[in-house]
Amino acid sequence: TEPEATAEDSVGSDAVERDIEALLEDTQRERDEYLQLAQRARADFENYRRRAAQEAKDAEGRGKSSLARELVPSLDNLERALRATGIDPDADDAAAEESGDGAGLAHGVLLVYRELRATLERAGVETYDPTGERFDPAWHEALATRAVEGTEAGLVVETIEKGYRLDGQVLRAAKVIVSQ
């Protein structure tokens, strides 16, 4: 009877080994599926994080651009007020400190102008005066043409209003007079 038990044990142990191998294969397959799922979730999250960061950066840029567009006319008006009092806003402070009626007020306006301009520059807004450059409709708005002796056609001969740009994009084109 002992040889019969051995044959039954052998058949039983083969069945147990097959069951264990099948269970191991199922477990490895599930592990691989979960690993792939985790890798996809990680990649999706990284893509989401990058997209959200880019969208936040774009929104910040749009906000800066919008605010700068709103402030540019105020900067122009402060500059006009200073020029009306005989002060060049781009010159040194000495001219603004002259004595006389309104000199203190003019100096105060000059300080406000310079602070506003410095704030815009820190935000990346730059001004440009294209006088002497070739006319470029992407950067300049031609208000008129003028015949100027000794000047070739298509050059900016006078800037009526400076242009402003932010990160290489025009906020406001410079308003100019072009030679003909």
N, C-alpha and C. Protein backbone atom coordinates (compact mmCIF):
# COMPACT_ATOMS: atom_id res chain seq x y z
N THR A 1 0.81 -1.20 0.00
CA THR A 1 0.00 0.00 0.00
C THR A 1 0.85 1.26 0.00
N GLU A 2 2.07 1.14 0.37
CA GLU A 2 2.90 2.34 0.38
C GLU A 2 3.16 2.91 -1.01
N PRO A 3 3.40 2.08 -2.04
CA PRO A 3 3.62 2.66 -3.35
C PRO A 3 2.40 3.40 -3.84
N GLU A 4 1.17 2.99 -3.48
CA GLU A 4 -0.03 3.70 -3.92
C GLU A 4 -0.09 5.09 -3.32
N ALA A 5 0.30 5.22 -2.08
CA ALA A 5 0.27 6.51 -1.40
C ALA A 5 1.26 7.47 -2.05
N THR A 6 2.36 6.96 -2.48
CA THR A 6 3.37 7.81 -3.10
C THR A 6 2.87 8.35 -4.44
N ALA A 7 2.18 7.52 -5.19
CA ALA A 7 1.64 7.98 -6.47
C ALA A 7 0.57 9.04 -6.24
N GLU A 8 -0.28 8.84 -5.24
CA GLU A 8 -1.30 9.85 -4.92
C GLU A 8 -0.66 11.14 -4.44
N ASP A 9 0.41 10.98 -3.62
CA ASP A 9 1.11 12.18 -3.14
C ASP A 9 1.75 12.93 -4.30
N SER A 10 2.30 12.20 -5.25
CA SER A 10 2.95 12.81 -6.39
C SER A 10 1.93 13.57 -7.24
N VAL A 11 0.76 12.96 -7.47
CA VAL A 11 -0.29 13.60 -8.25
C VAL A 11 -0.81 14.82 -7.49
N GLY A 12 -0.99 14.68 -6.18
CA GLY A 12 -1.47 15.78 -5.34
C GLY A 12 -0.47 16.92 -5.28
N SER A 13 0.82 16.59 -5.16
CA SER A 13 1.83 17.65 -5.08
C SER A 13 1.98 18.35 -6.42
N ASP A 14 1.79 17.62 -7.55
CA ASP A 14 1.83 18.27 -8.87
C ASP A 14 0.67 19.26 -8.99
N ALA A 15 -0.48 18.88 -8.50
CA ALA A 15 -1.66 19.74 -8.55
C ALA A 15 -1.43 20.99 -7.68
N VAL A 16 -0.84 20.80 -6.51
CA VAL A 16 -0.55 21.92 -5.61
C VAL A 16 0.47 22.85 -6.26
N GLU A 17 1.51 22.30 -6.89
CA GLU A 17 2.52 23.12 -7.57
C GLU A 17 1.88 23.91 -8.70
N ARG A 18 0.99 23.27 -9.48
CA ARG A 18 0.31 23.98 -10.57
C ARG A 18 -0.57 25.10 -10.02
N ASP A 19 -1.24 24.82 -8.90
CA ASP A 19 -2.07 25.85 -8.27
C ASP A 19 -1.21 27.02 -7.79
N ILE A 20 -0.09 26.69 -7.17
CA ILE A 20 0.82 27.75 -6.68
C ILE A 20 1.38 28.55 -7.84
N GLU A 21 1.80 27.89 -8.92
CA GLU A 21 2.34 28.59 -10.09
C GLU A 21 1.26 29.48 -10.72
N ALA A 22 0.03 28.95 -10.81
CA ALA A 22 -1.08 29.75 -11.37
C ALA A 22 -1.35 30.96 -10.49
N LEU A 23 -1.34 30.74 -9.18
CA LEU A 23 -1.56 31.85 -8.24
C LEU A 23 -0.44 32.87 -8.34
N LEU A 24 0.80 32.39 -8.47
CA LEU A 24 1.96 33.29 -8.61
C LEU A 24 1.86 34.09 -9.91
N GLU A 25 1.47 33.43 -11.01
CA GLU A 25 1.32 34.13 -12.29
C GLU A 25 0.22 35.19 -12.19
N ASP A 26 -0.91 34.85 -11.56
CA ASP A 26 -1.98 35.83 -11.38
C ASP A 26 -1.51 37.01 -10.55
N THR A 27 -0.77 36.73 -9.49
CA THR A 27 -0.25 37.78 -8.61
C THR A 27 0.73 38.68 -9.36
N GLN A 28 1.61 38.09 -10.16
CA GLN A 28 2.58 38.88 -10.94
C GLN A 28 1.87 39.73 -11.99
N ARG A 29 0.83 39.16 -12.64
CA ARG A 29 0.06 39.91 -13.63
C ARG A 29 -0.64 41.10 -12.97
N GLU A 30 -1.26 40.87 -11.81
CA GLU A 30 -1.90 41.97 -11.08
C GLU A 30 -0.89 43.02 -10.67
N ARG A 31 0.28 42.56 -10.20
CA ARG A 31 1.34 43.50 -9.82
C ARG A 31 1.73 44.37 -11.00
N ASP A 32 1.93 43.75 -12.17
CA ASP A 32 2.31 44.50 -13.37
C ASP A 32 1.22 45.48 -13.77
N GLU A 33 -0.05 45.09 -13.66
CA GLU A 33 -1.16 45.99 -13.98
C GLU A 33 -1.18 47.19 -13.03
N TYR A 34 -0.99 46.93 -11.74
CA TYR A 34 -0.97 48.01 -10.75
C TYR A 34 0.23 48.93 -10.97
N LEU A 35 1.36 48.35 -11.35
CA LEU A 35 2.56 49.16 -11.62
C LEU A 35 2.32 50.07 -12.81
N GLN A 36 1.72 49.52 -13.87
CA GLN A 36 1.40 50.35 -15.04
C GLN A 36 0.40 51.44 -14.68
N LEU A 37 -0.59 51.09 -13.89
CA LEU A 37 -1.57 52.07 -13.46
C LEU A 37 -0.91 53.19 -12.65
N ALA A 38 -0.01 52.83 -11.75
CA ALA A 38 0.70 53.83 -10.94
C ALA A 38 1.59 54.70 -11.82
N GLN A 39 2.25 54.10 -12.79
CA GLN A 39 3.11 54.88 -13.69
C GLN A 39 2.29 55.85 -14.54
N ARG A 40 1.13 55.40 -15.02
CA ARG A 40 0.25 56.30 -15.79
C ARG A 40 -0.26 57.44 -14.92
N ALA A 41 -0.65 57.11 -13.69
CA ALA A 41 -1.14 58.15 -12.77
C ALA A 41 -0.05 59.17 -12.48
N ARG A 42 1.17 58.69 -12.30
CA ARG A 42 2.30 59.60 -12.05
C ARG A 42 2.55 60.50 -13.26
N ALA A 43 2.54 59.91 -14.45
CA ALA A 43 2.75 60.70 -15.67
C ALA A 43 1.62 61.72 -15.86
N ASP A 44 0.37 61.29 -15.61
CA ASP A 44 -0.76 62.21 -15.72
C ASP A 44 -0.63 63.36 -14.74
N PHE A 45 -0.19 63.05 -13.51
CA PHE A 45 -0.03 64.10 -12.51
C PHE A 45 1.08 65.07 -12.91
N GLU A 46 2.20 64.56 -13.42
CA GLU A 46 3.29 65.43 -13.86
C GLU A 46 2.83 66.34 -15.01
N ASN A 47 2.08 65.77 -15.94
CA ASN A 47 1.55 66.58 -17.05
C ASN A 47 0.60 67.65 -16.52
N TYR A 48 -0.26 67.27 -15.58
CA TYR A 48 -1.18 68.23 -14.98
C TYR A 48 -0.41 69.34 -14.27
N ARG A 49 0.62 68.98 -13.51
CA ARG A 49 1.40 69.95 -12.76
C ARG A 49 2.07 70.94 -13.71
N ARG A 50 2.67 70.42 -14.80
CA ARG A 50 3.32 71.31 -15.78
C ARG A 50 2.29 72.21 -16.46
N ARG A 51 1.15 71.64 -16.81
CA ARG A 51 0.10 72.43 -17.48
C ARG A 51 -0.43 73.52 -16.55
N ALA A 52 -0.65 73.18 -15.28
CA ALA A 52 -1.14 74.16 -14.31
C ALA A 52 -0.11 75.27 -14.10
N ALA A 53 1.17 74.91 -14.03
CA ALA A 53 2.22 75.92 -13.86
C ALA A 53 2.27 76.85 -15.07
N GLN A 54 2.15 76.28 -16.28
CA GLN A 54 2.16 77.10 -17.49
C GLN A 54 0.94 78.01 -17.55
N GLU A 55 -0.22 77.49 -17.17
CA GLU A 55 -1.43 78.30 -17.17
C GLU A 55 -1.32 79.45 -16.16
N ALA A 56 -0.72 79.18 -15.01
CA ALA A 56 -0.53 80.24 -14.01
C ALA A 56 0.43 81.30 -14.54
N LYS A 57 1.49 80.86 -15.21
CA LYS A 57 2.45 81.81 -15.80
C LYS A 57 1.79 82.65 -16.88
N ASP A 58 0.99 82.00 -17.72
CA ASP A 58 0.28 82.73 -18.78
C ASP A 58 -0.71 83.74 -18.19
N ALA A 59 -1.41 83.34 -17.14
CA ALA A 59 -2.37 84.24 -16.49
C ALA A 59 -1.65 85.44 -15.89
N GLU A 60 -0.48 85.20 -15.29
CA GLU A 60 0.30 86.30 -14.73
C GLU A 60 0.72 87.27 -15.84
N GLY A 61 1.15 86.71 -16.97
CA GLY A 61 1.54 87.55 -18.10
C GLY A 61 0.38 88.37 -18.63
N ARG A 62 -0.79 87.74 -18.74
CA ARG A 62 -1.97 88.48 -19.20
C ARG A 62 -2.34 89.59 -18.22
N GLY A 63 -2.21 89.31 -16.93
CA GLY A 63 -2.52 90.31 -15.92
C GLY A 63 -1.56 91.49 -15.99
N LYS A 64 -0.27 91.20 -16.14
CA LYS A 64 0.73 92.27 -16.27
C LYS A 64 0.43 93.11 -17.50
N SER A 65 0.16 92.43 -18.60
CA SER A 65 -0.09 93.12 -19.85
C SER A 65 -1.32 94.01 -19.75
N SER A 66 -2.37 93.50 -19.16
CA SER A 66 -3.61 94.26 -19.02
C SER A 66 -3.39 95.49 -18.14
N LEU A 67 -2.72 95.30 -17.01
CA LEU A 67 -2.47 96.42 -16.10
C LEU A 67 -1.57 97.46 -16.76
N ALA A 68 -0.55 97.01 -17.45
CA ALA A 68 0.37 97.95 -18.11
C ALA A 68 -0.37 98.76 -19.17
N ARG A 69 -1.24 98.11 -19.94
CA ARG A 69 -2.01 98.83 -20.96
C ARG A 69 -2.87 99.93 -20.33
N GLU A 70 -3.39 99.64 -19.14
CA GLU A 70 -4.23 100.62 -18.44
C GLU A 70 -3.39 101.78 -17.89
N LEU A 71 -2.14 101.51 -17.50
CA LEU A 71 -1.31 102.54 -16.87
C LEU A 71 -0.57 103.42 -17.88
N VAL A 72 -0.34 102.93 -19.08
CA VAL A 72 0.42 103.68 -20.08
C VAL A 72 -0.17 105.07 -20.34
N PRO A 73 -1.48 105.23 -20.52
CA PRO A 73 -2.01 106.59 -20.73
C PRO A 73 -1.74 107.53 -19.54
N SER A 74 -1.76 107.01 -18.33
CA SER A 74 -1.45 107.85 -17.17
C SER A 74 0.00 108.31 -17.21
N LEU A 75 0.88 107.41 -17.61
CA LEU A 75 2.29 107.76 -17.74
C LEU A 75 2.46 108.84 -18.80
N ASP A 76 1.76 108.71 -19.92
CA ASP A 76 1.81 109.72 -20.98
C ASP A 76 1.32 111.08 -20.47
N ASN A 77 0.22 111.07 -19.71
CA ASN A 77 -0.33 112.33 -19.20
C ASN A 77 0.62 112.99 -18.20
N LEU A 78 1.26 112.21 -17.35
CA LEU A 78 2.24 112.78 -16.42
C LEU A 78 3.41 113.38 -17.20
N GLU A 79 3.84 112.70 -18.24
CA GLU A 79 4.93 113.22 -19.06
C GLU A 79 4.53 114.53 -19.74
N ARG A 80 3.30 114.58 -20.26
CA ARG A 80 2.82 115.82 -20.89
C ARG A 80 2.76 116.97 -19.88
N ALA A 81 2.29 116.67 -18.67
CA ALA A 81 2.21 117.70 -17.64
C ALA A 81 3.60 118.24 -17.31
N LEU A 82 4.56 117.35 -17.23
CA LEU A 82 5.93 117.78 -16.94
C LEU A 82 6.50 118.64 -18.07
N ARG A 83 6.27 118.20 -19.30
CA ARG A 83 6.79 118.98 -20.44
C ARG A 83 6.11 120.36 -20.50
N ALA A 84 4.83 120.44 -20.10
CA ALA A 84 4.12 121.72 -20.10
C ALA A 84 4.72 122.69 -19.09
N THR A 85 5.33 122.15 -18.03
CA THR A 85 5.97 123.02 -17.04
C THR A 85 7.43 123.28 -17.40
N GLY A 86 7.89 122.74 -18.54
CA GLY A 86 9.25 122.97 -18.98
C GLY A 86 10.25 121.96 -18.42
N ILE A 87 9.77 120.87 -17.88
CA ILE A 87 10.65 119.86 -17.31
C ILE A 87 10.72 118.66 -18.26
N ASP A 88 11.94 118.25 -18.56
CA ASP A 88 12.13 117.03 -19.35
C ASP A 88 12.12 115.86 -18.38
N PRO A 89 11.12 114.99 -18.46
CA PRO A 89 11.01 113.89 -17.50
C PRO A 89 12.18 112.92 -17.54
N ASP A 90 12.92 112.91 -18.63
CA ASP A 90 14.05 112.00 -18.75
C ASP A 90 15.38 112.64 -18.35
N ALA A 91 15.35 113.94 -18.02
CA ALA A 91 16.57 114.64 -17.61
C ALA A 91 16.78 114.44 -16.10
N ASP A 92 17.86 115.02 -15.58
CA ASP A 92 18.12 114.90 -14.14
C ASP A 92 17.16 115.78 -13.35
N ASP A 93 17.16 115.62 -12.04
CA ASP A 93 16.21 116.32 -11.16
C ASP A 93 16.49 117.82 -11.03
N ALA A 94 17.62 118.28 -11.45
CA ALA A 94 17.99 119.68 -11.22
C ALA A 94 16.98 120.64 -11.84
N ALA A 95 16.49 120.34 -13.02
CA ALA A 95 15.54 121.24 -13.69
C ALA A 95 14.22 121.30 -12.92
N ALA A 96 13.85 120.23 -12.27
CA ALA A 96 12.58 120.19 -11.55
C ALA A 96 12.67 120.92 -10.23
N GLU A 97 13.86 121.19 -9.77
CA GLU A 97 14.02 121.81 -8.45
C GLU A 97 14.16 123.32 -8.53
N GLU A 98 13.93 123.88 -9.72
CA GLU A 98 14.01 125.33 -9.85
C GLU A 98 12.95 125.98 -8.98
N SER A 99 13.26 127.14 -8.48
CA SER A 99 12.29 127.84 -7.65
C SER A 99 11.26 128.52 -8.54
N GLY A 100 10.14 128.88 -7.95
CA GLY A 100 9.11 129.56 -8.70
C GLY A 100 7.77 128.91 -8.43
N ASP A 101 6.75 129.54 -8.95
CA ASP A 101 5.39 129.03 -8.74
C ASP A 101 5.24 127.64 -9.35
N GLY A 102 4.74 126.74 -8.58
CA GLY A 102 4.46 125.39 -9.07
C GLY A 102 5.66 124.48 -9.16
N ALA A 103 6.86 124.96 -8.79
CA ALA A 103 8.05 124.11 -8.91
C ALA A 103 7.95 122.91 -7.99
N GLY A 104 7.42 123.09 -6.79
CA GLY A 104 7.27 121.96 -5.87
C GLY A 104 6.28 120.95 -6.39
N LEU A 105 5.20 121.43 -6.95
CA LEU A 105 4.19 120.54 -7.53
C LEU A 105 4.77 119.79 -8.72
N ALA A 106 5.50 120.51 -9.57
CA ALA A 106 6.11 119.87 -10.74
C ALA A 106 7.10 118.80 -10.31
N HIS A 107 7.86 119.08 -9.26
CA HIS A 107 8.82 118.09 -8.75
C HIS A 107 8.08 116.86 -8.22
N GLY A 108 6.95 117.09 -7.54
CA GLY A 108 6.14 115.96 -7.06
C GLY A 108 5.60 115.12 -8.20
N VAL A 109 5.15 115.78 -9.27
CA VAL A 109 4.65 115.06 -10.44
C VAL A 109 5.80 114.26 -11.08
N LEU A 110 6.99 114.86 -11.11
CA LEU A 110 8.16 114.17 -11.65
C LEU A 110 8.47 112.91 -10.85
N LEU A 111 8.39 113.00 -9.53
CA LEU A 111 8.65 111.83 -8.69
C LEU A 111 7.62 110.73 -8.93
N VAL A 112 6.36 111.10 -9.05
CA VAL A 112 5.31 110.12 -9.33
C VAL A 112 5.55 109.47 -10.70
N TYR A 113 5.88 110.29 -11.69
CA TYR A 113 6.15 109.78 -13.03
C TYR A 113 7.29 108.77 -13.00
N ARG A 114 8.38 109.14 -12.36
CA ARG A 114 9.55 108.25 -12.34
C ARG A 114 9.28 106.96 -11.56
N GLU A 115 8.53 107.04 -10.48
CA GLU A 115 8.21 105.84 -9.71
C GLU A 115 7.30 104.91 -10.51
N LEU A 116 6.31 105.48 -11.18
CA LEU A 116 5.42 104.67 -12.01
C LEU A 116 6.19 104.01 -13.15
N ARG A 117 7.05 104.78 -13.77
CA ARG A 117 7.86 104.23 -14.87
C ARG A 117 8.79 103.13 -14.37
N ALA A 118 9.42 103.33 -13.22
CA ALA A 118 10.32 102.32 -12.64
C ALA A 118 9.55 101.05 -12.28
N THR A 119 8.34 101.20 -11.77
CA THR A 119 7.52 100.05 -11.41
C THR A 119 7.18 99.24 -12.66
N LEU A 120 6.81 99.92 -13.72
CA LEU A 120 6.50 99.23 -14.97
C LEU A 120 7.75 98.54 -15.53
N GLU A 121 8.90 99.19 -15.44
CA GLU A 121 10.14 98.58 -15.92
C GLU A 121 10.48 97.32 -15.13
N ARG A 122 10.26 97.36 -13.81
CA ARG A 122 10.52 96.16 -13.00
C ARG A 122 9.60 95.01 -13.39
N ALA A 123 8.41 95.34 -13.88
CA ALA A 123 7.45 94.33 -14.33
C ALA A 123 7.75 93.86 -15.75
N GLY A 124 8.78 94.45 -16.39
CA GLY A 124 9.17 94.02 -17.72
C GLY A 124 8.68 94.90 -18.85
N VAL A 125 8.02 96.00 -18.52
CA VAL A 125 7.51 96.91 -19.56
C VAL A 125 8.64 97.84 -19.96
N GLU A 126 8.86 97.95 -21.25
CA GLU A 126 9.90 98.87 -21.73
C GLU A 126 9.30 99.86 -22.72
N THR A 127 9.86 101.06 -22.70
CA THR A 127 9.42 102.09 -23.65
C THR A 127 10.40 102.10 -24.81
N TYR A 128 9.91 102.55 -25.95
CA TYR A 128 10.83 102.71 -27.08
C TYR A 128 10.44 103.92 -27.90
N ASP A 129 11.46 104.63 -28.32
CA ASP A 129 11.31 105.81 -29.16
C ASP A 129 12.04 105.51 -30.47
N PRO A 130 11.28 105.27 -31.55
CA PRO A 130 11.91 104.81 -32.79
C PRO A 130 12.43 105.91 -33.71
N THR A 131 12.57 107.13 -33.24
CA THR A 131 13.04 108.21 -34.10
C THR A 131 14.37 107.82 -34.74
N GLY A 132 14.44 107.94 -36.07
CA GLY A 132 15.65 107.60 -36.81
C GLY A 132 15.66 106.16 -37.31
N GLU A 133 14.73 105.34 -36.86
CA GLU A 133 14.67 103.94 -37.31
C GLU A 133 13.79 103.82 -38.54
N ARG A 134 13.93 102.71 -39.24
CA ARG A 134 13.07 102.41 -40.38
C ARG A 134 11.67 102.10 -39.85
N PHE A 135 10.65 102.61 -40.53
CA PHE A 135 9.26 102.38 -40.12
C PHE A 135 8.93 100.89 -40.21
N ASP A 136 8.33 100.36 -39.15
CA ASP A 136 7.90 98.96 -39.09
C ASP A 136 6.47 98.94 -38.56
N PRO A 137 5.49 98.56 -39.39
CA PRO A 137 4.10 98.60 -38.95
C PRO A 137 3.80 97.68 -37.77
N ALA A 138 4.65 96.73 -37.49
CA ALA A 138 4.44 95.87 -36.33
C ALA A 138 4.75 96.60 -35.03
N TRP A 139 5.63 97.61 -35.10
CA TRP A 139 6.06 98.33 -33.90
C TRP A 139 5.61 99.79 -33.89
N HIS A 140 5.23 100.31 -35.05
CA HIS A 140 4.93 101.74 -35.17
C HIS A 140 3.56 101.96 -35.80
N GLU A 141 2.94 103.06 -35.41
CA GLU A 141 1.69 103.48 -36.04
C GLU A 141 1.96 104.83 -36.70
N ALA A 142 1.88 104.88 -38.03
CA ALA A 142 2.16 106.10 -38.76
C ALA A 142 0.95 107.02 -38.70
N LEU A 143 1.15 108.21 -38.15
CA LEU A 143 0.06 109.19 -38.07
C LEU A 143 0.09 110.13 -39.28
N ALA A 144 1.29 110.32 -39.85
CA ALA A 144 1.43 111.23 -40.99
C ALA A 144 2.76 110.94 -41.67
N THR A 145 2.90 111.53 -42.86
CA THR A 145 4.18 111.48 -43.56
C THR A 145 4.64 112.91 -43.76
N ARG A 146 5.93 113.07 -43.90
CA ARG A 146 6.49 114.41 -44.05
C ARG A 146 7.70 114.31 -44.96
N ALA A 147 7.81 115.27 -45.87
CA ALA A 147 8.99 115.34 -46.72
C ALA A 147 10.12 115.98 -45.92
N VAL A 148 11.23 115.29 -45.81
CA VAL A 148 12.38 115.82 -45.08
C VAL A 148 13.59 115.70 -45.98
N GLU A 149 14.21 116.86 -46.27
CA GLU A 149 15.38 116.86 -47.15
C GLU A 149 16.52 116.09 -46.52
N GLY A 150 17.21 115.32 -47.35
CA GLY A 150 18.37 114.58 -46.89
C GLY A 150 18.03 113.31 -46.13
N THR A 151 16.76 112.95 -46.12
CA THR A 151 16.34 111.74 -45.41
C THR A 151 15.64 110.83 -46.40
N GLU A 152 16.02 109.56 -46.37
CA GLU A 152 15.38 108.61 -47.28
C GLU A 152 13.95 108.32 -46.81
N ALA A 153 13.13 107.90 -47.73
CA ALA A 153 11.73 107.60 -47.43
C ALA A 153 11.63 106.38 -46.52
N GLY A 154 10.62 106.42 -45.65
CA GLY A 154 10.36 105.27 -44.79
C GLY A 154 11.05 105.30 -43.44
N LEU A 155 11.69 106.41 -43.09
CA LEU A 155 12.32 106.53 -41.78
C LEU A 155 11.41 107.31 -40.83
N VAL A 156 11.43 106.94 -39.57
CA VAL A 156 10.66 107.67 -38.57
C VAL A 156 11.41 108.97 -38.29
N VAL A 157 10.75 110.10 -38.55
CA VAL A 157 11.39 111.40 -38.35
C VAL A 157 10.96 112.05 -37.05
N GLU A 158 9.83 111.64 -36.51
CA GLU A 158 9.37 112.20 -35.24
C GLU A 158 8.49 111.18 -34.53
N THR A 159 8.64 111.11 -33.21
CA THR A 159 7.79 110.23 -32.41
C THR A 159 6.81 111.11 -31.65
N ILE A 160 5.53 110.92 -31.91
CA ILE A 160 4.49 111.68 -31.23
C ILE A 160 4.25 111.08 -29.84
N GLU A 161 4.11 109.77 -29.77
CA GLU A 161 3.97 109.06 -28.49
C GLU A 161 4.89 107.84 -28.53
N LYS A 162 5.64 107.65 -27.45
CA LYS A 162 6.52 106.49 -27.36
C LYS A 162 5.69 105.21 -27.40
N GLY A 163 6.35 104.14 -27.80
CA GLY A 163 5.71 102.83 -27.79
C GLY A 163 6.08 102.10 -26.51
N TYR A 164 5.28 101.10 -26.18
CA TYR A 164 5.52 100.28 -24.99
C TYR A 164 5.39 98.82 -25.37
N ARG A 165 6.29 98.00 -24.84
CA ARG A 165 6.22 96.56 -25.08
C ARG A 165 6.53 95.80 -23.80
N LEU A 166 6.01 94.59 -23.76
CA LEU A 166 6.21 93.70 -22.61
C LEU A 166 6.59 92.34 -23.15
N ASP A 167 7.75 91.86 -22.76
CA ASP A 167 8.24 90.55 -23.19
C ASP A 167 8.21 90.41 -24.71
N GLY A 168 8.63 91.47 -25.39
CA GLY A 168 8.71 91.42 -26.85
C GLY A 168 7.40 91.62 -27.58
N GLN A 169 6.30 91.82 -26.85
CA GLN A 169 5.00 92.05 -27.50
C GLN A 169 4.59 93.50 -27.30
N VAL A 170 4.04 94.07 -28.35
CA VAL A 170 3.64 95.48 -28.31
C VAL A 170 2.41 95.66 -27.43
N LEU A 171 2.56 96.53 -26.43
CA LEU A 171 1.40 96.94 -25.63
C LEU A 171 0.71 98.10 -26.33
N ARG A 172 1.54 99.02 -26.82
CA ARG A 172 1.03 100.13 -27.62
C ARG A 172 2.11 100.51 -28.61
N ALA A 173 1.74 100.55 -29.86
CA ALA A 173 2.69 100.92 -30.91
C ALA A 173 3.07 102.40 -30.76
N ALA A 174 4.31 102.71 -31.09
CA ALA A 174 4.74 104.10 -31.07
C ALA A 174 4.03 104.85 -32.20
N LYS A 175 3.52 106.03 -31.87
CA LYS A 175 2.82 106.85 -32.87
C LYS A 175 3.86 107.79 -33.46
N VAL A 176 4.02 107.70 -34.79
CA VAL A 176 5.15 108.37 -35.43
C VAL A 176 4.77 109.11 -36.69
N ILE A 177 5.70 109.97 -37.12
CA ILE A 177 5.62 110.62 -38.43
C ILE A 177 6.77 110.04 -39.25
N VAL A 178 6.46 109.66 -40.48
CA VAL A 178 7.41 108.94 -41.33
C VAL A 178 7.81 109.82 -42.53
N SER A 179 9.07 109.75 -42.89
CA SER A 179 9.54 110.53 -44.05
C SER A 179 9.01 109.91 -45.33
N GLN A 180 8.79 110.81 -46.33
CA GLN A 180 8.28 110.31 -47.62
C GLN A 180 9.27 110.54 -48.72
